[in-house]
N, C-alpha and C. Protein backbone atom coordinates (compact mmCIF):
# COMPACT_ATOMS: atom_id res chain seq x y z
N MET A 1 -33.64 46.05 66.41
CA MET A 1 -33.10 47.25 65.81
C MET A 1 -33.79 48.50 66.35
N GLY A 2 -35.11 48.46 66.54
CA GLY A 2 -35.82 49.59 67.08
C GLY A 2 -36.36 50.53 66.02
N GLU A 3 -35.58 50.83 65.01
CA GLU A 3 -36.02 51.75 63.97
C GLU A 3 -36.42 50.97 62.73
N ASP A 4 -37.35 51.53 61.98
CA ASP A 4 -37.78 50.87 60.75
C ASP A 4 -36.75 51.13 59.65
N ILE A 5 -36.35 50.07 58.99
CA ILE A 5 -35.44 50.18 57.85
C ILE A 5 -36.27 50.52 56.62
N GLU A 6 -35.85 51.54 55.88
CA GLU A 6 -36.62 51.98 54.73
C GLU A 6 -36.54 50.96 53.59
N TRP A 7 -37.68 50.48 53.16
CA TRP A 7 -37.77 49.50 52.09
C TRP A 7 -38.58 50.02 50.90
N ARG A 8 -39.35 51.08 51.10
CA ARG A 8 -40.26 51.56 50.05
C ARG A 8 -39.53 52.08 48.81
N VAL A 9 -38.39 52.72 49.00
CA VAL A 9 -37.63 53.26 47.87
C VAL A 9 -37.17 52.12 46.96
N PHE A 10 -36.68 51.05 47.58
CA PHE A 10 -36.25 49.89 46.79
C PHE A 10 -37.45 49.24 46.10
N ALA A 11 -38.59 49.18 46.78
CA ALA A 11 -39.79 48.58 46.19
C ALA A 11 -40.25 49.38 44.97
N LEU A 12 -40.32 50.68 45.11
CA LEU A 12 -40.77 51.52 44.00
C LEU A 12 -39.80 51.44 42.82
N THR A 13 -38.51 51.53 43.10
CA THR A 13 -37.50 51.41 42.05
C THR A 13 -37.59 50.06 41.36
N GLY A 14 -37.75 49.01 42.14
CA GLY A 14 -37.86 47.67 41.58
C GLY A 14 -39.08 47.50 40.70
N ILE A 15 -40.21 48.01 41.15
CA ILE A 15 -41.44 47.91 40.35
C ILE A 15 -41.29 48.64 39.03
N ILE A 16 -40.74 49.85 39.08
CA ILE A 16 -40.55 50.63 37.85
C ILE A 16 -39.61 49.89 36.89
N CYS A 17 -38.52 49.35 37.41
CA CYS A 17 -37.56 48.66 36.55
C CYS A 17 -38.14 47.38 35.96
N VAL A 18 -38.90 46.63 36.73
CA VAL A 18 -39.50 45.39 36.22
C VAL A 18 -40.60 45.70 35.21
N VAL A 19 -41.43 46.69 35.49
CA VAL A 19 -42.51 47.03 34.57
C VAL A 19 -41.96 47.50 33.22
N GLN A 20 -40.87 48.25 33.22
CA GLN A 20 -40.31 48.73 31.96
C GLN A 20 -39.87 47.57 31.08
N ALA A 21 -39.58 46.42 31.66
CA ALA A 21 -39.14 45.27 30.86
C ALA A 21 -40.25 44.76 29.93
N PHE A 22 -41.50 45.11 30.23
CA PHE A 22 -42.62 44.68 29.40
C PHE A 22 -42.85 45.63 28.22
N PHE A 23 -42.16 46.75 28.20
CA PHE A 23 -42.33 47.75 27.14
C PHE A 23 -40.98 48.03 26.50
N ASP A 24 -41.00 48.46 25.28
CA ASP A 24 -39.76 48.72 24.56
C ASP A 24 -39.38 50.19 24.70
N LEU A 25 -39.00 50.58 25.92
CA LEU A 25 -38.67 51.97 26.21
C LEU A 25 -37.19 52.21 26.42
N ALA A 26 -36.43 51.16 26.62
CA ALA A 26 -35.02 51.31 26.99
C ALA A 26 -34.18 51.71 25.78
N PRO A 27 -33.09 52.45 26.02
CA PRO A 27 -32.18 52.79 24.92
C PRO A 27 -31.35 51.57 24.52
N GLU A 28 -30.64 51.70 23.40
CA GLU A 28 -29.83 50.57 22.93
C GLU A 28 -28.63 50.30 23.83
N GLY A 29 -28.15 51.32 24.49
CA GLY A 29 -27.01 51.14 25.38
C GLY A 29 -25.73 50.90 24.62
N PRO A 30 -24.63 50.70 25.32
CA PRO A 30 -23.33 50.53 24.65
C PRO A 30 -23.23 49.21 23.88
N TRP A 31 -24.15 48.29 24.09
CA TRP A 31 -24.11 46.98 23.42
C TRP A 31 -25.03 46.93 22.20
N ASP A 32 -25.66 48.05 21.85
CA ASP A 32 -26.53 48.17 20.66
C ASP A 32 -27.66 47.16 20.66
N SER A 33 -28.27 46.95 21.81
CA SER A 33 -29.39 46.01 21.89
C SER A 33 -30.40 46.52 22.92
N ARG A 34 -31.55 46.95 22.43
CA ARG A 34 -32.59 47.46 23.33
C ARG A 34 -33.10 46.35 24.25
N SER A 35 -33.24 45.14 23.74
CA SER A 35 -33.78 44.05 24.56
C SER A 35 -32.81 43.67 25.68
N PHE A 36 -31.50 43.72 25.40
CA PHE A 36 -30.52 43.43 26.44
C PHE A 36 -30.57 44.50 27.53
N THR A 37 -30.71 45.76 27.13
CA THR A 37 -30.82 46.85 28.10
C THR A 37 -32.07 46.66 28.96
N ARG A 38 -33.19 46.31 28.34
CA ARG A 38 -34.42 46.04 29.10
C ARG A 38 -34.20 44.92 30.11
N GLY A 39 -33.49 43.89 29.68
CA GLY A 39 -33.21 42.77 30.58
C GLY A 39 -32.34 43.16 31.76
N VAL A 40 -31.32 43.96 31.49
CA VAL A 40 -30.43 44.41 32.57
C VAL A 40 -31.22 45.27 33.56
N ILE A 41 -32.02 46.19 33.05
CA ILE A 41 -32.82 47.04 33.94
C ILE A 41 -33.83 46.19 34.72
N GLY A 42 -34.41 45.19 34.08
CA GLY A 42 -35.34 44.28 34.76
C GLY A 42 -34.66 43.50 35.87
N LEU A 43 -33.44 43.02 35.62
CA LEU A 43 -32.70 42.30 36.66
C LEU A 43 -32.35 43.22 37.83
N ILE A 44 -31.99 44.44 37.53
CA ILE A 44 -31.74 45.41 38.61
C ILE A 44 -33.01 45.61 39.42
N GLY A 45 -34.15 45.67 38.74
CA GLY A 45 -35.43 45.80 39.42
C GLY A 45 -35.73 44.62 40.33
N ILE A 46 -35.44 43.42 39.85
CA ILE A 46 -35.67 42.23 40.68
C ILE A 46 -34.76 42.27 41.91
N GLY A 47 -33.53 42.72 41.71
CA GLY A 47 -32.63 42.87 42.85
C GLY A 47 -33.16 43.88 43.86
N CYS A 48 -33.69 44.99 43.37
CA CYS A 48 -34.28 46.00 44.27
C CYS A 48 -35.49 45.45 45.00
N LEU A 49 -36.32 44.68 44.30
CA LEU A 49 -37.49 44.08 44.95
C LEU A 49 -37.07 43.09 46.03
N TYR A 50 -36.01 42.34 45.77
CA TYR A 50 -35.52 41.40 46.78
C TYR A 50 -35.01 42.15 48.01
N ILE A 51 -34.23 43.21 47.79
CA ILE A 51 -33.72 43.99 48.93
C ILE A 51 -34.88 44.60 49.70
N SER A 52 -35.90 45.08 48.99
CA SER A 52 -37.08 45.63 49.63
C SER A 52 -37.78 44.58 50.49
N TRP A 53 -37.96 43.39 49.92
CA TRP A 53 -38.59 42.29 50.67
C TRP A 53 -37.77 41.95 51.91
N PHE A 54 -36.45 41.87 51.76
CA PHE A 54 -35.59 41.52 52.88
C PHE A 54 -35.71 42.54 54.00
N ARG A 55 -35.66 43.82 53.63
CA ARG A 55 -35.74 44.88 54.64
C ARG A 55 -37.12 44.92 55.30
N PHE A 56 -38.16 44.69 54.51
CA PHE A 56 -39.52 44.68 55.06
C PHE A 56 -39.71 43.49 55.99
N THR A 57 -39.26 42.33 55.58
CA THR A 57 -39.48 41.10 56.34
C THR A 57 -38.65 41.04 57.61
N PHE A 58 -37.37 41.38 57.53
CA PHE A 58 -36.46 41.21 58.67
C PHE A 58 -36.11 42.51 59.38
N ASN A 59 -36.57 43.65 58.86
CA ASN A 59 -36.33 44.96 59.46
C ASN A 59 -34.84 45.22 59.73
N GLN A 60 -34.02 44.84 58.76
CA GLN A 60 -32.59 45.12 58.84
C GLN A 60 -32.00 45.10 57.44
N LYS A 61 -30.83 45.70 57.31
CA LYS A 61 -30.15 45.70 56.02
C LYS A 61 -29.47 44.36 55.83
N GLY A 62 -29.33 43.96 54.57
CA GLY A 62 -28.67 42.71 54.26
C GLY A 62 -29.29 42.05 53.06
N VAL A 63 -28.76 40.89 52.69
CA VAL A 63 -29.31 40.14 51.56
C VAL A 63 -29.42 38.65 51.83
N ILE A 64 -28.79 38.15 52.86
CA ILE A 64 -28.82 36.71 53.13
C ILE A 64 -29.71 36.44 54.34
N PRO A 65 -30.82 35.71 54.13
CA PRO A 65 -31.73 35.44 55.25
C PRO A 65 -31.26 34.24 56.08
N ILE A 66 -30.27 34.48 56.94
CA ILE A 66 -29.77 33.39 57.78
C ILE A 66 -30.86 32.97 58.77
N ILE A 67 -30.77 31.77 59.25
CA ILE A 67 -31.82 31.19 60.09
C ILE A 67 -32.01 31.98 61.38
N LYS A 68 -30.97 32.56 61.92
CA LYS A 68 -31.06 33.28 63.19
C LYS A 68 -32.02 34.47 63.13
N ILE A 69 -32.23 35.05 61.95
CA ILE A 69 -33.11 36.23 61.87
C ILE A 69 -34.55 35.86 61.54
N TRP A 70 -34.83 34.59 61.25
CA TRP A 70 -36.21 34.16 60.99
C TRP A 70 -36.96 34.15 62.32
N LYS A 71 -38.19 34.64 62.32
CA LYS A 71 -38.99 34.66 63.55
C LYS A 71 -39.44 33.26 63.94
N LYS A 72 -39.97 32.52 62.98
CA LYS A 72 -40.46 31.16 63.23
C LYS A 72 -39.95 30.24 62.12
N PRO A 73 -38.68 29.89 62.12
CA PRO A 73 -38.16 29.09 61.02
C PRO A 73 -38.79 27.70 60.93
N GLY A 74 -39.24 27.17 62.05
CA GLY A 74 -39.84 25.84 62.04
C GLY A 74 -41.12 25.75 61.24
N SER A 75 -41.84 26.87 61.11
CA SER A 75 -43.09 26.85 60.35
C SER A 75 -43.04 27.74 59.11
N SER A 76 -42.14 28.72 59.06
CA SER A 76 -42.16 29.64 57.93
C SER A 76 -41.37 29.13 56.72
N TRP A 77 -40.68 28.01 56.85
CA TRP A 77 -40.00 27.45 55.68
C TRP A 77 -41.02 26.97 54.65
N LEU A 78 -42.19 26.55 55.10
CA LEU A 78 -43.20 26.01 54.19
C LEU A 78 -43.73 27.05 53.20
N PRO A 79 -44.10 28.28 53.63
CA PRO A 79 -44.51 29.27 52.63
C PRO A 79 -43.42 29.60 51.62
N VAL A 80 -42.16 29.58 52.05
CA VAL A 80 -41.05 29.83 51.13
C VAL A 80 -40.98 28.70 50.10
N MET A 81 -41.16 27.47 50.56
CA MET A 81 -41.17 26.32 49.66
C MET A 81 -42.34 26.41 48.68
N ILE A 82 -43.51 26.77 49.17
CA ILE A 82 -44.69 26.90 48.32
C ILE A 82 -44.47 27.99 47.27
N PHE A 83 -43.87 29.10 47.66
CA PHE A 83 -43.55 30.16 46.70
C PHE A 83 -42.66 29.63 45.59
N GLY A 84 -41.63 28.88 45.95
CA GLY A 84 -40.72 28.32 44.96
C GLY A 84 -41.43 27.37 44.00
N ILE A 85 -42.29 26.53 44.55
CA ILE A 85 -43.05 25.59 43.71
C ILE A 85 -44.01 26.35 42.80
N MET A 86 -44.62 27.41 43.32
CA MET A 86 -45.54 28.22 42.51
C MET A 86 -44.81 28.90 41.35
N CYS A 87 -43.56 29.30 41.56
CA CYS A 87 -42.76 29.85 40.46
C CYS A 87 -42.61 28.81 39.36
N TYR A 88 -42.31 27.57 39.73
CA TYR A 88 -42.19 26.49 38.76
C TYR A 88 -43.51 26.27 38.02
N VAL A 89 -44.61 26.21 38.79
CA VAL A 89 -45.93 25.97 38.19
C VAL A 89 -46.28 27.09 37.22
N PHE A 90 -45.97 28.34 37.58
CA PHE A 90 -46.27 29.48 36.72
C PHE A 90 -45.52 29.37 35.40
N VAL A 91 -44.24 29.00 35.46
CA VAL A 91 -43.46 28.88 34.23
C VAL A 91 -44.00 27.75 33.36
N ILE A 92 -44.34 26.63 33.97
CA ILE A 92 -44.90 25.51 33.21
C ILE A 92 -46.22 25.91 32.57
N SER A 93 -47.06 26.62 33.32
CA SER A 93 -48.35 27.02 32.77
C SER A 93 -48.20 28.06 31.65
N ILE A 94 -47.22 28.94 31.77
CA ILE A 94 -46.97 29.91 30.70
C ILE A 94 -46.62 29.17 29.41
N ASN A 95 -45.77 28.16 29.53
CA ASN A 95 -45.34 27.42 28.34
C ASN A 95 -46.47 26.54 27.79
N GLU A 96 -47.21 25.88 28.66
CA GLU A 96 -48.28 24.98 28.22
C GLU A 96 -49.44 25.74 27.59
N LEU A 97 -49.77 26.89 28.14
CA LEU A 97 -50.89 27.67 27.63
C LEU A 97 -50.47 28.64 26.52
N GLU A 98 -49.20 28.56 26.13
CA GLU A 98 -48.64 29.39 25.07
C GLU A 98 -48.86 30.89 25.33
N MET A 99 -48.69 31.27 26.59
CA MET A 99 -48.81 32.67 26.98
C MET A 99 -47.46 33.37 26.97
N ASP A 100 -46.41 32.66 26.57
CA ASP A 100 -45.07 33.23 26.63
C ASP A 100 -44.90 34.44 25.71
N LYS A 101 -45.77 34.61 24.74
CA LYS A 101 -45.67 35.78 23.85
C LYS A 101 -46.06 37.08 24.57
N TYR A 102 -46.71 36.98 25.73
CA TYR A 102 -47.12 38.16 26.48
C TYR A 102 -46.08 38.59 27.52
N PHE A 103 -45.04 37.81 27.69
CA PHE A 103 -44.01 38.10 28.68
C PHE A 103 -42.67 38.28 27.99
N PRO A 104 -41.74 39.01 28.63
CA PRO A 104 -40.39 39.08 28.06
C PRO A 104 -39.77 37.69 27.94
N LYS A 105 -38.86 37.52 27.02
CA LYS A 105 -38.30 36.20 26.72
C LYS A 105 -37.63 35.53 27.92
N THR A 106 -37.05 36.30 28.81
CA THR A 106 -36.31 35.71 29.94
C THR A 106 -37.17 35.50 31.18
N THR A 107 -38.47 35.72 31.09
CA THR A 107 -39.33 35.57 32.27
C THR A 107 -39.22 34.18 32.88
N GLY A 108 -39.30 33.16 32.05
CA GLY A 108 -39.23 31.79 32.56
C GLY A 108 -37.92 31.51 33.27
N MET A 109 -36.83 31.95 32.68
CA MET A 109 -35.52 31.70 33.28
C MET A 109 -35.40 32.41 34.64
N ILE A 110 -35.85 33.63 34.72
CA ILE A 110 -35.75 34.38 35.97
C ILE A 110 -36.66 33.77 37.03
N LEU A 111 -37.88 33.39 36.65
CA LEU A 111 -38.79 32.77 37.62
C LEU A 111 -38.27 31.41 38.09
N LEU A 112 -37.67 30.65 37.19
CA LEU A 112 -37.07 29.38 37.61
C LEU A 112 -35.91 29.60 38.56
N LEU A 113 -35.12 30.64 38.33
CA LEU A 113 -34.03 30.96 39.26
C LEU A 113 -34.59 31.33 40.63
N MET A 114 -35.61 32.20 40.64
CA MET A 114 -36.22 32.59 41.92
C MET A 114 -36.82 31.38 42.62
N GLY A 115 -37.51 30.54 41.89
CA GLY A 115 -38.11 29.35 42.47
C GLY A 115 -37.06 28.39 43.01
N SER A 116 -36.00 28.20 42.25
CA SER A 116 -34.94 27.29 42.69
C SER A 116 -34.25 27.79 43.96
N LEU A 117 -33.96 29.09 44.01
CA LEU A 117 -33.33 29.65 45.21
C LEU A 117 -34.26 29.56 46.42
N SER A 118 -35.55 29.78 46.20
CA SER A 118 -36.53 29.68 47.30
C SER A 118 -36.62 28.25 47.82
N ILE A 119 -36.68 27.30 46.91
CA ILE A 119 -36.76 25.89 47.31
C ILE A 119 -35.48 25.47 48.03
N LEU A 120 -34.35 25.91 47.53
CA LEU A 120 -33.07 25.59 48.17
C LEU A 120 -33.01 26.17 49.58
N ASN A 121 -33.43 27.43 49.73
CA ASN A 121 -33.43 28.07 51.05
C ASN A 121 -34.39 27.36 52.00
N ALA A 122 -35.60 27.06 51.54
CA ALA A 122 -36.59 26.40 52.38
C ALA A 122 -36.11 25.01 52.79
N THR A 123 -35.51 24.29 51.87
CA THR A 123 -34.99 22.96 52.18
C THR A 123 -33.89 23.04 53.23
N TYR A 124 -33.00 23.99 53.09
CA TYR A 124 -31.93 24.17 54.06
C TYR A 124 -32.49 24.48 55.45
N VAL A 125 -33.46 25.39 55.50
CA VAL A 125 -34.04 25.75 56.80
C VAL A 125 -34.73 24.54 57.42
N TRP A 126 -35.48 23.79 56.61
CA TRP A 126 -36.15 22.60 57.14
C TRP A 126 -35.14 21.59 57.67
N LEU A 127 -34.06 21.36 56.91
CA LEU A 127 -33.04 20.40 57.33
C LEU A 127 -32.40 20.79 58.65
N VAL A 128 -32.12 22.08 58.82
CA VAL A 128 -31.43 22.54 60.02
C VAL A 128 -32.37 22.66 61.22
N VAL A 129 -33.63 23.06 60.98
CA VAL A 129 -34.55 23.28 62.10
C VAL A 129 -35.33 22.02 62.47
N ASN A 130 -35.89 21.34 61.48
CA ASN A 130 -36.76 20.19 61.76
C ASN A 130 -36.20 18.86 61.30
N GLY A 131 -35.27 18.87 60.38
CA GLY A 131 -34.81 17.66 59.72
C GLY A 131 -33.61 17.02 60.37
N PRO A 132 -32.90 16.23 59.58
CA PRO A 132 -31.78 15.45 60.12
C PRO A 132 -30.58 16.27 60.57
N LEU A 133 -30.49 17.53 60.18
CA LEU A 133 -29.38 18.37 60.62
C LEU A 133 -29.72 19.16 61.89
N SER A 134 -30.89 18.91 62.43
CA SER A 134 -31.35 19.63 63.61
C SER A 134 -30.50 19.29 64.82
N GLU A 135 -30.24 20.30 65.63
CA GLU A 135 -29.50 20.08 66.87
C GLU A 135 -30.33 19.31 67.88
N LYS A 136 -31.65 19.33 67.74
CA LYS A 136 -32.52 18.58 68.64
C LYS A 136 -32.21 17.10 68.58
N GLU A 137 -32.02 16.57 67.39
CA GLU A 137 -31.72 15.15 67.25
C GLU A 137 -30.37 14.81 67.84
N VAL A 138 -29.40 15.72 67.72
CA VAL A 138 -28.08 15.49 68.29
C VAL A 138 -28.19 15.42 69.80
N LEU A 139 -28.98 16.33 70.39
CA LEU A 139 -29.16 16.34 71.84
C LEU A 139 -29.90 15.09 72.32
N GLU A 140 -30.87 14.62 71.54
CA GLU A 140 -31.65 13.44 71.92
C GLU A 140 -30.80 12.18 71.83
N GLN A 141 -29.83 12.12 70.93
CA GLN A 141 -29.01 10.93 70.76
C GLN A 141 -27.98 10.78 71.88
N GLU A 142 -27.64 11.87 72.53
CA GLU A 142 -26.60 11.82 73.58
C GLU A 142 -27.09 11.25 74.87
């Protein structure tokens, strides 16, 4: 691309939106529920953080990290997998240590979604680059 894609605005917006979810600052909104408004703003924040991460990591606009834009897909799928597993571990530890009263009610659900999507993406990349769906194996069999 040559030029840096701006990601800081999305990061700052995302951080502000996610942090507000921990405080009861949101208006009731048209649905007469302050907690629902906080959740919606928090989800928008997570979306902004994802876009910020995507732009920072791949230096381009978009939302889907296709394999062609990964620099080293053969080795970088593992950190993505570890991140997904860590999301699961964090949710389990929150519930086991009864720390859920310090987090918004939907924290576990959102972290499980993030973890599941990360694990799914990492598994797909591994299957296509190193695993049984790899073109290398097709070429070796011929």
